[in-house]
C-alpha atoms as a PDB file:
ATOM      1  CA  MET A   1     -30.075 -29.317 -40.669  1.00  0.00           C
ATOM      2  CA  LEU A   2     -32.658 -26.600 -40.887  1.00  0.00           C
ATOM      3  CA  GLN A   3     -33.678 -24.261 -43.156  1.00  0.00           C
ATOM      4  CA  ALA A   4     -31.371 -21.579 -43.381  1.00  0.00           C
ATOM      5  CA  LYS A   5     -32.455 -18.233 -43.951  1.00  0.00           C
ATOM      6  CA  HIS A   6     -31.002 -15.429 -45.787  1.00  0.00           C
ATOM      7  CA  ALA A   7     -29.777 -11.708 -44.226  1.00  0.00           C
ATOM      8  CA  THR A   8     -27.607  -9.270 -45.862  1.00  0.00           C
ATOM      9  CA  VAL A   9     -24.878  -8.338 -43.473  1.00  0.00           C
ATOM     10  CA  TYR A  10     -22.137  -5.767 -44.350  1.00  0.00           C
ATOM     11  CA  PHE A  11     -18.262  -6.478 -42.733  1.00  0.00           C
ATOM     12  CA  GLU A  12     -15.703  -4.558 -42.975  1.00  0.00           C
ATOM     13  CA  PRO A  13     -13.077  -5.212 -45.400  1.00  0.00           C
ATOM     14  CA  GLY A  14     -10.561  -6.071 -42.661  1.00  0.00           C
ATOM     15  CA  LEU A  15     -12.718  -8.461 -40.978  1.00  0.00           C
ATOM     16  CA  HIS A  16     -14.328  -9.813 -44.217  1.00  0.00           C
ATOM     17  CA  GLN A  17     -10.992 -10.723 -45.684  1.00  0.00           C
ATOM     18  CA  ALA A  18     -10.247 -12.427 -42.246  1.00  0.00           C
ATOM     19  CA  LEU A  19     -13.469 -13.766 -42.379  1.00  0.00           C
ATOM     20  CA  ARG A  20     -12.733 -15.503 -45.560  1.00  0.00           C
ATOM     21  CA  VAL A  21      -8.322 -16.666 -44.850  1.00  0.00           C
ATOM     22  CA  LYS A  22     -10.136 -18.560 -41.727  1.00  0.00           C
ATOM     23  CA  ALA A  23     -12.906 -20.177 -44.218  1.00  0.00           C
ATOM     24  CA  ALA A  24     -10.334 -21.632 -45.824  1.00  0.00           C
ATOM     25  CA  GLU A  25      -8.104 -22.741 -43.254  1.00  0.00           C
ATOM     26  CA  THR A  26     -10.863 -24.491 -41.342  1.00  0.00           C
ATOM     27  CA  ASP A  27     -12.308 -26.065 -44.269  1.00  0.00           C
ATOM     28  CA  GLN A  28     -15.977 -23.832 -43.022  1.00  0.00           C
ATOM     29  CA  SER A  29     -18.228 -21.565 -44.963  1.00  0.00           C
ATOM     30  CA  VAL A  30     -18.192 -18.002 -43.816  1.00  0.00           C
ATOM     31  CA  SER A  31     -21.830 -18.415 -43.126  1.00  0.00           C
ATOM     32  CA  GLU A  32     -20.427 -21.367 -40.804  1.00  0.00           C
ATOM     33  CA  LEU A  33     -17.767 -18.926 -38.721  1.00  0.00           C
ATOM     34  CA  VAL A  34     -20.732 -16.372 -38.848  1.00  0.00           C
ATOM     35  CA  ASN A  35     -23.024 -19.148 -37.061  1.00  0.00           C
ATOM     36  CA  ALA A  36     -20.947 -19.843 -34.614  1.00  0.00           C
ATOM     37  CA  SER A  37     -19.724 -16.859 -33.254  1.00  0.00           C
ATOM     38  CA  VAL A  38     -23.550 -15.384 -32.983  1.00  0.00           C
ATOM     39  CA  ARG A  39     -24.191 -18.667 -31.686  1.00  0.00           C
ATOM     40  CA  ARG A  40     -21.595 -18.314 -29.082  1.00  0.00           C
ATOM     41  CA  ALA A  41     -22.447 -14.454 -28.210  1.00  0.00           C
ATOM     42  CA  LEU A  42     -25.546 -15.322 -27.878  1.00  0.00           C
ATOM     43  CA  ALA A  43     -24.759 -18.030 -25.409  1.00  0.00           C
ATOM     44  CA  GLU A  44     -22.648 -15.470 -23.230  1.00  0.00           C
ATOM     45  CA  ASP A  45     -25.514 -13.103 -22.997  1.00  0.00           C
ATOM     46  CA  ALA A  46     -27.449 -15.846 -22.245  1.00  0.00           C
ATOM     47  CA  ASP A  47     -25.547 -16.997 -19.110  1.00  0.00           C
ATOM     48  CA  ASP A  48     -25.094 -13.610 -18.130  1.00  0.00           C
ATOM     49  CA  LEU A  49     -28.838 -13.284 -17.632  1.00  0.00           C
ATOM     50  CA  ALA A  50     -28.838 -16.430 -15.928  1.00  0.00           C
ATOM     51  CA  ALA A  51     -26.760 -15.547 -13.457  1.00  0.00           C
ATOM     52  CA  PHE A  52     -28.295 -11.819 -12.955  1.00  0.00           C
ATOM     53  CA  GLU A  53     -31.873 -13.258 -11.752  1.00  0.00           C
ATOM     54  CA  SER A  54     -29.589 -15.886  -9.515  1.00  0.00           C
ATOM     55  CA  ARG A  55     -28.218 -12.803  -7.871  1.00  0.00           C
ATOM     56  CA  ALA A  56     -31.068 -11.189  -7.946  1.00  0.00           C
ATOM     57  CA  THR A  57     -32.162 -11.775  -4.204  1.00  0.00           C
ATOM     58  CA  GLU A  58     -29.092 -10.893  -2.910  1.00  0.00           C
ATOM     59  CA  PRO A  59     -28.593  -7.808  -0.407  1.00  0.00           C
ATOM     60  CA  VAL A  60     -27.446  -4.754  -1.813  1.00  0.00           C
ATOM     61  CA  LEU A  61     -24.497  -3.570  -0.363  1.00  0.00           C
ATOM     62  CA  SER A  62     -23.299   0.152  -0.470  1.00  0.00           C
ATOM     63  CA  PHE A  63     -19.659   0.736  -1.831  1.00  0.00           C
ATOM     64  CA  GLU A  64     -18.867   2.684   1.359  1.00  0.00           C
ATOM     65  CA  LYS A  65     -20.308  -0.500   3.641  1.00  0.00           C
ATOM     66  CA  VAL A  66     -18.037  -3.058   1.435  1.00  0.00           C
ATOM     67  CA  LEU A  67     -14.874  -1.016   1.861  1.00  0.00           C
ATOM     68  CA  LYS A  68     -15.145  -0.853   5.140  1.00  0.00           C
ATOM     69  CA  ASP A  69     -15.883  -4.543   5.988  1.00  0.00           C
ATOM     70  CA  MET A  70     -12.451  -4.985   3.327  1.00  0.00           C
ATOM     71  CA  LYS A  71     -10.468  -2.449   5.579  1.00  0.00           C
ATOM     72  CA  ARG A  72     -12.021  -4.482   9.244  1.00  0.00           C
ATOM     73  CA  ARG A  73     -11.332  -7.496   7.507  1.00  0.00           C
ATOM     74  CA  GLY A  74      -7.415  -6.308   6.646  1.00  0.00           C
ATOM     75  CA  LYS A  75      -8.308  -7.188   2.577  1.00  0.00           C
ATOM     76  CA  LEU A  76      -6.987  -3.190   2.079  1.00  0.00           C
END
């Protein structure tokens, strides 16, 4: 395991209690739960950025043009 870094994080009382209960139920530490959650959140951000970058070269369409096209095709 990599050398862990220490940080002070302040949780709302209810959230802290929920974390402690979840940790006990899953036989994990609060730190393990928080690390996993942060990892997931950062991965989602990376996925969002990758999707945005992959679509950066798509043509820009105005809302009005899209709406008009959808009406023309019977989608609205």
